[in-house]
Amino acid sequence: NPTARRMFGWEGVNVVGKNVLHYLPSPVQIELTRPL
């Protein structure tokens, strides 16, 4: 949704169908990779 795009800086980036770990901010990626 637009709120998540704004928080993660995804405006103008087509992330649908892409691996989410490649687009998450670095601190989020480090925390979420293993739990996901």
PDB file of all heavy atoms in Angstrom:
ATOM      1  N   ASN A   1       0.833  -1.203   0.000  1.00  0.00           N
ATOM      2  CA  ASN A   1       0.000   0.000   0.000  1.00  0.00           C
ATOM      3  C   ASN A   1       0.871   1.258   0.000  1.00  0.00           C
ATOM      4  O   ASN A   1       2.083   1.199   0.250  1.00  0.00           O
ATOM      5  CB  ASN A   1      -0.974  -0.009   1.174  1.00  0.00           C
ATOM      6  CG  ASN A   1      -0.286   0.205   2.509  1.00  0.00           C
ATOM      7  OD1 ASN A   1       0.919   0.057   2.625  1.00  0.00           O
ATOM      8  ND2 ASN A   1      -1.049   0.555   3.521  1.00  0.00           N
ATOM      9  N   PRO A   2       0.285   2.426  -0.296  1.00  0.00           N
ATOM     10  CA  PRO A   2       1.078   3.663  -0.392  1.00  0.00           C
ATOM     11  C   PRO A   2       1.824   4.014   0.886  1.00  0.00           C
ATOM     12  O   PRO A   2       2.914   4.578   0.830  1.00  0.00           O
ATOM     13  CB  PRO A   2       0.021   4.718  -0.742  1.00  0.00           C
ATOM     14  CG  PRO A   2      -1.087   3.969  -1.403  1.00  0.00           C
ATOM     15  CD  PRO A   2      -1.118   2.646  -0.711  1.00  0.00           C
ATOM     16  N   THR A   3       1.240   3.702   2.057  1.00  0.00           N
ATOM     17  CA  THR A   3       1.919   4.034   3.313  1.00  0.00           C
ATOM     18  C   THR A   3       3.234   3.283   3.444  1.00  0.00           C
ATOM     19  O   THR A   3       4.262   3.867   3.834  1.00  0.00           O
ATOM     20  CB  THR A   3       1.002   3.694   4.502  1.00  0.00           C
ATOM     21  OG1 THR A   3      -0.254   4.367   4.350  1.00  0.00           O
ATOM     22  CG2 THR A   3       1.641   4.121   5.807  1.00  0.00           C
ATOM     23  N   ALA A   4       3.243   1.998   3.102  1.00  0.00           N
ATOM     24  CA  ALA A   4       4.486   1.226   3.162  1.00  0.00           C
ATOM     25  C   ALA A   4       5.498   1.744   2.135  1.00  0.00           C
ATOM     26  O   ALA A   4       6.707   1.787   2.403  1.00  0.00           O
ATOM     27  CB  ALA A   4       4.185  -0.254   2.928  1.00  0.00           C
ATOM     28  N   ARG A   5       5.022   2.128   0.950  1.00  0.00           N
ATOM     29  CA  ARG A   5       5.931   2.697  -0.052  1.00  0.00           C
ATOM     30  C   ARG A   5       6.608   3.955   0.481  1.00  0.00           C
ATOM     31  O   ARG A   5       7.809   4.174   0.267  1.00  0.00           O
ATOM     32  CB  ARG A   5       5.161   3.009  -1.334  1.00  0.00           C
ATOM     33  CG  ARG A   5       4.709   1.779  -2.117  1.00  0.00           C
ATOM     34  CD  ARG A   5       4.021   2.195  -3.415  1.00  0.00           C
ATOM     35  NE  ARG A   5       3.580   1.041  -4.183  1.00  0.00           N
ATOM     36  CZ  ARG A   5       4.351   0.395  -5.055  1.00  0.00           C
ATOM     37  NH1 ARG A   5       5.595   0.815  -5.258  1.00  0.00           N
ATOM     38  NH2 ARG A   5       3.889  -0.646  -5.715  1.00  0.00           N
ATOM     39  N   ARG A   6       5.831   4.784   1.167  1.00  0.00           N
ATOM     40  CA  ARG A   6       6.405   6.032   1.685  1.00  0.00           C
ATOM     41  C   ARG A   6       7.397   5.752   2.808  1.00  0.00           C
ATOM     42  O   ARG A   6       8.459   6.381   2.866  1.00  0.00           O
ATOM     43  CB  ARG A   6       5.273   6.931   2.183  1.00  0.00           C
ATOM     44  CG  ARG A   6       5.750   8.297   2.651  1.00  0.00           C
ATOM     45  CD  ARG A   6       4.599   9.187   3.064  1.00  0.00           C
ATOM     46  NE  ARG A   6       3.888   8.671   4.224  1.00  0.00           N
ATOM     47  CZ  ARG A   6       2.714   8.077   4.186  1.00  0.00           C
ATOM     48  NH1 ARG A   6       2.090   7.918   3.024  1.00  0.00           N
ATOM     49  NH2 ARG A   6       2.131   7.637   5.291  1.00  0.00           N
ATOM     50  N   MET A   7       7.076   4.813   3.701  1.00  0.00           N
ATOM     51  CA  MET A   7       7.974   4.532   4.815  1.00  0.00           C
ATOM     52  C   MET A   7       9.292   3.915   4.354  1.00  0.00           C
ATOM     53  O   MET A   7      10.359   4.222   4.901  1.00  0.00           O
ATOM     54  CB  MET A   7       7.285   3.593   5.813  1.00  0.00           C
ATOM     55  CG  MET A   7       6.139   4.218   6.581  1.00  0.00           C
ATOM     56  SD  MET A   7       5.461   3.062   7.799  1.00  0.00           S
ATOM     57  CE  MET A   7       4.179   4.071   8.535  1.00  0.00           C
ATOM     58  N   PHE A   8       9.230   3.037   3.346  1.00  0.00           N
ATOM     59  CA  PHE A   8      10.425   2.339   2.877  1.00  0.00           C
ATOM     60  C   PHE A   8      11.096   3.035   1.696  1.00  0.00           C
ATOM     61  O   PHE A   8      12.085   2.527   1.162  1.00  0.00           O
ATOM     62  CB  PHE A   8      10.082   0.898   2.489  1.00  0.00           C
ATOM     63  CG  PHE A   8       9.732   0.023   3.658  1.00  0.00           C
ATOM     64  CD1 PHE A   8       8.842  -1.039   3.514  1.00  0.00           C
ATOM     65  CD2 PHE A   8      10.282   0.256   4.901  1.00  0.00           C
ATOM     66  CE1 PHE A   8       8.524  -1.852   4.597  1.00  0.00           C
ATOM     67  CE2 PHE A   8       9.969  -0.552   5.990  1.00  0.00           C
ATOM     68  CZ  PHE A   8       9.092  -1.596   5.835  1.00  0.00           C
ATOM     69  N   GLY A   9      10.542   4.177   1.246  1.00  0.00           N
ATOM     70  CA  GLY A   9      11.140   4.893   0.129  1.00  0.00           C
ATOM     71  C   GLY A   9      10.968   4.173  -1.192  1.00  0.00           C
ATOM     72  O   GLY A   9      11.870   4.191  -2.046  1.00  0.00           O
ATOM     73  N   TRP A  10       9.813   3.554  -1.390  1.00  0.00           N
ATOM     74  CA  TRP A  10       9.556   2.798  -2.621  1.00  0.00           C
ATOM     75  C   TRP A  10       8.734   3.578  -3.639  1.00  0.00           C
ATOM     76  O   TRP A  10       8.248   2.994  -4.610  1.00  0.00           O
ATOM     77  CB  TRP A  10       8.821   1.496  -2.297  1.00  0.00           C
ATOM     78  CG  TRP A  10       9.663   0.501  -1.565  1.00  0.00           C
ATOM     79  CD1 TRP A  10      11.007   0.530  -1.386  1.00  0.00           C
ATOM     80  CD2 TRP A  10       9.208  -0.688  -0.894  1.00  0.00           C
ATOM     81  NE1 TRP A  10      11.429  -0.550  -0.652  1.00  0.00           N
ATOM     82  CE2 TRP A  10      10.345  -1.319  -0.337  1.00  0.00           C
ATOM     83  CE3 TRP A  10       7.964  -1.272  -0.721  1.00  0.00           C
ATOM     84  CZ2 TRP A  10      10.266  -2.500   0.382  1.00  0.00           C
ATOM     85  CZ3 TRP A  10       7.874  -2.450   0.005  1.00  0.00           C
ATOM     86  CH2 TRP A  10       9.026  -3.066   0.544  1.00  0.00           C
ATOM     87  N   GLU A  11       8.553   4.896  -3.445  1.00  0.00           N
ATOM     88  CA  GLU A  11       7.766   5.648  -4.418  1.00  0.00           C
ATOM     89  C   GLU A  11       8.466   5.606  -5.776  1.00  0.00           C
ATOM     90  O   GLU A  11       9.666   5.869  -5.886  1.00  0.00           O
ATOM     91  CB  GLU A  11       7.591   7.113  -3.990  1.00  0.00           C
ATOM     92  CG  GLU A  11       6.685   7.291  -2.790  1.00  0.00           C
ATOM     93  CD  GLU A  11       7.444   7.337  -1.493  1.00  0.00           C
ATOM     94  OE1 GLU A  11       8.606   6.860  -1.475  1.00  0.00           O
ATOM     95  OE2 GLU A  11       6.903   7.850  -0.488  1.00  0.00           O
ATOM     96  N   GLY A  12       7.685   5.271  -6.798  1.00  0.00           N
ATOM     97  CA  GLY A  12       8.234   5.204  -8.146  1.00  0.00           C
ATOM     98  C   GLY A  12       9.004   3.938  -8.449  1.00  0.00           C
ATOM     99  O   GLY A  12       9.580   3.803  -9.533  1.00  0.00           O
ATOM    100  N   VAL A  13       9.050   3.002  -7.500  1.00  0.00           N
ATOM    101  CA  VAL A  13       9.773   1.738  -7.701  1.00  0.00           C
ATOM    102  C   VAL A  13       8.761   0.606  -7.758  1.00  0.00           C
ATOM    103  O   VAL A  13       7.911   0.483  -6.878  1.00  0.00           O
ATOM    104  CB  VAL A  13      10.784   1.487  -6.562  1.00  0.00           C
ATOM    105  CG1 VAL A  13      11.535   0.174  -6.796  1.00  0.00           C
ATOM    106  CG2 VAL A  13      11.758   2.648  -6.451  1.00  0.00           C
ATOM    107  N   ASN A  14       8.839  -0.206  -8.800  1.00  0.00           N
ATOM    108  CA  ASN A  14       7.930  -1.344  -8.954  1.00  0.00           C
ATOM    109  C   ASN A  14       8.508  -2.536  -8.202  1.00  0.00           C
ATOM    110  O   ASN A  14       9.415  -3.217  -8.680  1.00  0.00           O
ATOM    111  CB  ASN A  14       7.747  -1.681 -10.435  1.00  0.00           C
ATOM    112  CG  ASN A  14       6.742  -2.807 -10.636  1.00  0.00           C
ATOM    113  OD1 ASN A  14       5.940  -3.105  -9.744  1.00  0.00           O
ATOM    114  ND2 ASN A  14       6.772  -3.440 -11.791  1.00  0.00           N
ATOM    115  N   VAL A  15       7.994  -2.774  -6.995  1.00  0.00           N
ATOM    116  CA  VAL A  15       8.496  -3.873  -6.170  1.00  0.00           C
ATOM    117  C   VAL A  15       7.594  -5.097  -6.228  1.00  0.00           C
ATOM    118  O   VAL A  15       7.971  -6.155  -5.704  1.00  0.00           O
ATOM    119  CB  VAL A  15       8.651  -3.403  -4.708  1.00  0.00           C
ATOM    120  CG1 VAL A  15       9.679  -2.307  -4.604  1.00  0.00           C
ATOM    121  CG2 VAL A  15       7.311  -2.939  -4.142  1.00  0.00           C
ATOM    122  N   VAL A  16       6.422  -4.976  -6.834  1.00  0.00           N
ATOM    123  CA  VAL A  16       5.499  -6.115  -6.918  1.00  0.00           C
ATOM    124  C   VAL A  16       6.122  -7.182  -7.817  1.00  0.00           C
ATOM    125  O   VAL A  16       6.569  -6.906  -8.931  1.00  0.00           O
ATOM    126  CB  VAL A  16       4.133  -5.678  -7.461  1.00  0.00           C
ATOM    127  CG1 VAL A  16       3.213  -6.885  -7.621  1.00  0.00           C
ATOM    128  CG2 VAL A  16       3.501  -4.638  -6.553  1.00  0.00           C
ATOM    129  N   GLY A  17       6.151  -8.409  -7.305  1.00  0.00           N
ATOM    130  CA  GLY A  17       6.762  -9.501  -8.051  1.00  0.00           C
ATOM    131  C   GLY A  17       8.252  -9.624  -7.820  1.00  0.00           C
ATOM    132  O   GLY A  17       8.882 -10.537  -8.354  1.00  0.00           O
ATOM    133  N   LYS A  18       8.832  -8.726  -7.018  1.00  0.00           N
ATOM    134  CA  LYS A  18      10.269  -8.765  -6.736  1.00  0.00           C
ATOM    135  C   LYS A  18      10.498  -9.296  -5.320  1.00  0.00           C
ATOM    136  O   LYS A  18       9.610  -9.286  -4.475  1.00  0.00           O
ATOM    137  CB  LYS A  18      10.874  -7.364  -6.868  1.00  0.00           C
ATOM    138  CG  LYS A  18      10.547  -6.667  -8.176  1.00  0.00           C
ATOM    139  CD  LYS A  18      11.186  -7.353  -9.362  1.00  0.00           C
ATOM    140  CE  LYS A  18      10.852  -6.630 -10.667  1.00  0.00           C
ATOM    141  NZ  LYS A  18      11.309  -5.243 -10.672  1.00  0.00           N
ATOM    142  N   ASN A  19      11.733  -9.739  -5.074  1.00  0.00           N
ATOM    143  CA  ASN A  19      12.105 -10.224  -3.740  1.00  0.00           C
ATOM    144  C   ASN A  19      12.142  -9.061  -2.774  1.00  0.00           C
ATOM    145  O   ASN A  19      12.885  -8.097  -2.960  1.00  0.00           O
ATOM    146  CB  ASN A  19      13.468 -10.915  -3.795  1.00  0.00           C
ATOM    147  CG  ASN A  19      13.760 -11.696  -2.528  1.00  0.00           C
ATOM    148  OD1 ASN A  19      13.603 -11.206  -1.427  1.00  0.00           O
ATOM    149  ND2 ASN A  19      14.180 -12.941  -2.692  1.00  0.00           N
ATOM    150  N   VAL A  20      11.357  -9.140  -1.716  1.00  0.00           N
ATOM    151  CA  VAL A  20      11.225  -8.016  -0.789  1.00  0.00           C
ATOM    152  C   VAL A  20      12.535  -7.726  -0.066  1.00  0.00           C
ATOM    153  O   VAL A  20      12.829  -6.575   0.291  1.00  0.00           O
ATOM    154  CB  VAL A  20      10.091  -8.303   0.226  1.00  0.00           C
ATOM    155  CG1 VAL A  20      10.487  -9.425   1.165  1.00  0.00           C
ATOM    156  CG2 VAL A  20       9.733  -7.048   1.012  1.00  0.00           C
ATOM    157  N   LEU A  21      13.376  -8.757   0.148  1.00  0.00           N
ATOM    158  CA  LEU A  21      14.628  -8.559   0.870  1.00  0.00           C
ATOM    159  C   LEU A  21      15.609  -7.698   0.092  1.00  0.00           C
ATOM    160  O   LEU A  21      16.533  -7.123   0.674  1.00  0.00           O
ATOM    161  CB  LEU A  21      15.263  -9.913   1.198  1.00  0.00           C
ATOM    162  CG  LEU A  21      14.444 -10.828   2.120  1.00  0.00           C
ATOM    163  CD1 LEU A  21      15.130 -12.169   2.297  1.00  0.00           C
ATOM    164  CD2 LEU A  21      14.223 -10.166   3.474  1.00  0.00           C
ATOM    165  N   HIS A  22      15.427  -7.599  -1.225  1.00  0.00           N
ATOM    166  CA  HIS A  22      16.331  -6.794  -2.047  1.00  0.00           C
ATOM    167  C   HIS A  22      15.991  -5.312  -1.987  1.00  0.00           C
ATOM    168  O   HIS A  22      16.796  -4.483  -2.445  1.00  0.00           O
ATOM    169  CB  HIS A  22      16.286  -7.272  -3.494  1.00  0.00           C
ATOM    170  CG  HIS A  22      16.776  -8.671  -3.668  1.00  0.00           C
ATOM    171  ND1 HIS A  22      16.559  -9.418  -4.816  1.00  0.00           N
ATOM    172  CD2 HIS A  22      17.455  -9.495  -2.811  1.00  0.00           C
ATOM    173  CE1 HIS A  22      17.089 -10.625  -4.680  1.00  0.00           C
ATOM    174  NE2 HIS A  22      17.630 -10.693  -3.467  1.00  0.00           N
ATOM    175  N   TYR A  23      14.819  -4.960  -1.459  1.00  0.00           N
ATOM    176  CA  TYR A  23      14.368  -3.574  -1.478  1.00  0.00           C
ATOM    177  C   TYR A  23      14.157  -2.985  -0.086  1.00  0.00           C
ATOM    178  O   TYR A  23      13.947  -1.786   0.036  1.00  0.00           O
ATOM    179  CB  TYR A  23      13.057  -3.454  -2.279  1.00  0.00           C
ATOM    180  CG  TYR A  23      13.234  -3.747  -3.749  1.00  0.00           C
ATOM    181  CD1 TYR A  23      13.119  -5.039  -4.238  1.00  0.00           C
ATOM    182  CD2 TYR A  23      13.529  -2.733  -4.654  1.00  0.00           C
ATOM    183  CE1 TYR A  23      13.286  -5.315  -5.588  1.00  0.00           C
ATOM    184  CE2 TYR A  23      13.697  -2.990  -5.995  1.00  0.00           C
ATOM    185  CZ  TYR A  23      13.574  -4.296  -6.468  1.00  0.00           C
ATOM    186  OH  TYR A  23      13.743  -4.552  -7.792  1.00  0.00           O
ATOM    187  N   LEU A  24      14.191  -3.811   0.951  1.00  0.00           N
ATOM    188  CA  LEU A  24      14.001  -3.292   2.297  1.00  0.00           C
ATOM    189  C   LEU A  24      15.207  -2.452   2.711  1.00  0.00           C
ATOM    190  O   LEU A  24      16.342  -2.745   2.309  1.00  0.00           O
ATOM    191  CB  LEU A  24      13.814  -4.439   3.293  1.00  0.00           C
ATOM    192  CG  LEU A  24      12.490  -5.206   3.219  1.00  0.00           C
ATOM    193  CD1 LEU A  24      12.533  -6.415   4.151  1.00  0.00           C
ATOM    194  CD2 LEU A  24      11.316  -4.307   3.582  1.00  0.00           C
ATOM    195  N   PRO A  25      14.993  -1.405   3.521  1.00  0.00           N
ATOM    196  CA  PRO A  25      16.139  -0.666   4.062  1.00  0.00           C
ATOM    197  C   PRO A  25      17.070  -1.597   4.831  1.00  0.00           C
ATOM    198  O   PRO A  25      16.650  -2.612   5.394  1.00  0.00           O
ATOM    199  CB  PRO A  25      15.482   0.370   4.983  1.00  0.00           C
ATOM    200  CG  PRO A  25      14.092   0.529   4.447  1.00  0.00           C
ATOM    201  CD  PRO A  25      13.694  -0.803   3.918  1.00  0.00           C
ATOM    202  N   SER A  26      18.333  -1.242   4.867  1.00  0.00           N
ATOM    203  CA  SER A  26      19.348  -2.121   5.451  1.00  0.00           C
ATOM    204  C   SER A  26      19.030  -2.546   6.882  1.00  0.00           C
ATOM    205  O   SER A  26      19.113  -3.741   7.207  1.00  0.00           O
ATOM    206  CB  SER A  26      20.718  -1.441   5.385  1.00  0.00           C
ATOM    207  OG  SER A  26      21.708  -2.281   5.953  1.00  0.00           O
ATOM    208  N   PRO A  27      18.627  -1.625   7.789  1.00  0.00           N
ATOM    209  CA  PRO A  27      18.321  -2.085   9.164  1.00  0.00           C
ATOM    210  C   PRO A  27      17.159  -3.073   9.210  1.00  0.00           C
ATOM    211  O   PRO A  27      17.178  -4.026   9.987  1.00  0.00           O
ATOM    212  CB  PRO A  27      17.983  -0.786   9.903  1.00  0.00           C
ATOM    213  CG  PRO A  27      18.596   0.308   9.099  1.00  0.00           C
ATOM    214  CD  PRO A  27      18.539  -0.152   7.687  1.00  0.00           C
ATOM    215  N   VAL A  28      16.152  -2.852   8.360  1.00  0.00           N
ATOM    216  CA  VAL A  28      14.997  -3.750   8.325  1.00  0.00           C
ATOM    217  C   VAL A  28      15.396  -5.102   7.749  1.00  0.00           C
ATOM    218  O   VAL A  28      14.981  -6.160   8.238  1.00  0.00           O
ATOM    219  CB  VAL A  28      13.857  -3.117   7.511  1.00  0.00           C
ATOM    220  CG1 VAL A  28      12.650  -4.047   7.479  1.00  0.00           C
ATOM    221  CG2 VAL A  28      13.465  -1.772   8.097  1.00  0.00           C
ATOM    222  N   GLN A  29      16.195  -5.074   6.694  1.00  0.00           N
ATOM    223  CA  GLN A  29      16.630  -6.328   6.074  1.00  0.00           C
ATOM    224  C   GLN A  29      17.420  -7.184   7.053  1.00  0.00           C
ATOM    225  O   GLN A  29      17.240  -8.402   7.128  1.00  0.00           O
ATOM    226  CB  GLN A  29      17.478  -6.015   4.844  1.00  0.00           C
ATOM    227  CG  GLN A  29      17.991  -7.254   4.109  1.00  0.00           C
ATOM    228  CD  GLN A  29      18.892  -6.895   2.952  1.00  0.00           C
ATOM    229  OE1 GLN A  29      19.150  -5.726   2.695  1.00  0.00           O
ATOM    230  NE2 GLN A  29      19.390  -7.891   2.266  1.00  0.00           N
ATOM    231  N   ILE A  30      18.295  -6.560   7.832  1.00  0.00           N
ATOM    232  CA  ILE A  30      19.113  -7.312   8.790  1.00  0.00           C
ATOM    233  C   ILE A  30      18.225  -7.969   9.855  1.00  0.00           C
ATOM    234  O   ILE A  30      18.438  -9.120  10.246  1.00  0.00           O
ATOM    235  CB  ILE A  30      20.144  -6.369   9.440  1.00  0.00           C
ATOM    236  CG1 ILE A  30      21.156  -5.891   8.382  1.00  0.00           C
ATOM    237  CG2 ILE A  30      20.865  -7.063  10.586  1.00  0.00           C
ATOM    238  CD1 ILE A  30      22.112  -4.845   8.886  1.00  0.00           C
ATOM    239  N   GLU A  31      17.194  -7.237  10.305  1.00  0.00           N
ATOM    240  CA  GLU A  31      16.329  -7.757  11.372  1.00  0.00           C
ATOM    241  C   GLU A  31      15.348  -8.813  10.884  1.00  0.00           C
ATOM    242  O   GLU A  31      15.009  -9.747  11.618  1.00  0.00           O
ATOM    243  CB  GLU A  31      15.559  -6.608  12.022  1.00  0.00           C
ATOM    244  CG  GLU A  31      16.409  -5.655  12.842  1.00  0.00           C
ATOM    245  CD  GLU A  31      16.856  -6.255  14.156  1.00  0.00           C
ATOM    246  OE1 GLU A  31      16.277  -7.265  14.564  1.00  0.00           O
ATOM    247  OE2 GLU A  31      17.798  -5.713  14.763  1.00  0.00           O
ATOM    248  N   LEU A  32      14.868  -8.690   9.633  1.00  0.00           N
ATOM    249  CA  LEU A  32      13.743  -9.523   9.177  1.00  0.00           C
ATOM    250  C   LEU A  32      14.140 -10.748   8.381  1.00  0.00           C
ATOM    251  O   LEU A  32      13.322 -11.649   8.198  1.00  0.00           O
ATOM    252  CB  LEU A  32      12.783  -8.677   8.330  1.00  0.00           C
ATOM    253  CG  LEU A  32      12.110  -7.490   9.001  1.00  0.00           C
ATOM    254  CD1 LEU A  32      11.033  -6.917   8.088  1.00  0.00           C
ATOM    255  CD2 LEU A  32      11.497  -7.872  10.329  1.00  0.00           C
ATOM    256  N   THR A  33      15.346 -10.809   7.857  1.00  0.00           N
ATOM    257  CA  THR A  33      15.707 -11.922   6.963  1.00  0.00           C
ATOM    258  C   THR A  33      15.513 -13.273   7.640  1.00  0.00           C
ATOM    259  O   THR A  33      14.813 -14.159   7.113  1.00  0.00           O
ATOM    260  CB  THR A  33      17.160 -11.764   6.496  1.00  0.00           C
ATOM    261  OG1 THR A  33      17.299 -10.536   5.777  1.00  0.00           O
ATOM    262  CG2 THR A  33      17.543 -12.933   5.587  1.00  0.00           C
ATOM    263  N   ARG A  34      16.104 -13.455   8.781  1.00  0.00           N
ATOM    264  CA  ARG A  34      15.992 -14.752   9.475  1.00  0.00           C
ATOM    265  C   ARG A  34      14.556 -15.048   9.919  1.00  0.00           C
ATOM    266  O   ARG A  34      14.050 -16.156   9.674  1.00  0.00           O
ATOM    267  CB  ARG A  34      16.955 -14.773  10.667  1.00  0.00           C
ATOM    268  CG  ARG A  34      16.956 -16.096  11.432  1.00  0.00           C
ATOM    269  CD  ARG A  34      17.954 -16.041  12.586  1.00  0.00           C
ATOM    270  NE  ARG A  34      17.970 -17.294  13.333  1.00  0.00           N
ATOM    271  CZ  ARG A  34      18.695 -18.338  13.040  1.00  0.00           C
ATOM    272  NH1 ARG A  34      19.484 -18.281  11.960  1.00  0.00           N
ATOM    273  NH2 ARG A  34      18.657 -19.440  13.769  1.00  0.00           N
ATOM    274  N   PRO A  35      13.837 -14.107  10.563  1.00  0.00           N
ATOM    275  CA  PRO A  35      12.443 -14.407  10.955  1.00  0.00           C
ATOM    276  C   PRO A  35      11.534 -14.730   9.774  1.00  0.00           C
ATOM    277  O   PRO A  35      10.644 -15.578   9.894  1.00  0.00           O
ATOM    278  CB  PRO A  35      11.993 -13.123  11.662  1.00  0.00           C
ATOM    279  CG  PRO A  35      13.254 -12.496  12.149  1.00  0.00           C
ATOM    280  CD  PRO A  35      14.281 -12.818  11.124  1.00  0.00           C
ATOM    281  N   LEU A  36      11.731 -14.082   8.634  1.00  0.00           N
ATOM    282  CA  LEU A  36      10.885 -14.373   7.472  1.00  0.00           C
ATOM    283  C   LEU A  36      11.056 -15.818   7.022  1.00  0.00           C
ATOM    284  O   LEU A  36      10.070 -16.526   6.760  1.00  0.00           O
ATOM    285  CB  LEU A  36      11.221 -13.421   6.327  1.00  0.00           C
ATOM    286  CG  LEU A  36      10.691 -11.985   6.454  1.00  0.00           C
ATOM    287  CD1 LEU A  36      11.214 -11.111   5.327  1.00  0.00           C
ATOM    288  CD2 LEU A  36       9.173 -11.968   6.461  1.00  0.00           C
TER     289      LEU A  36
END
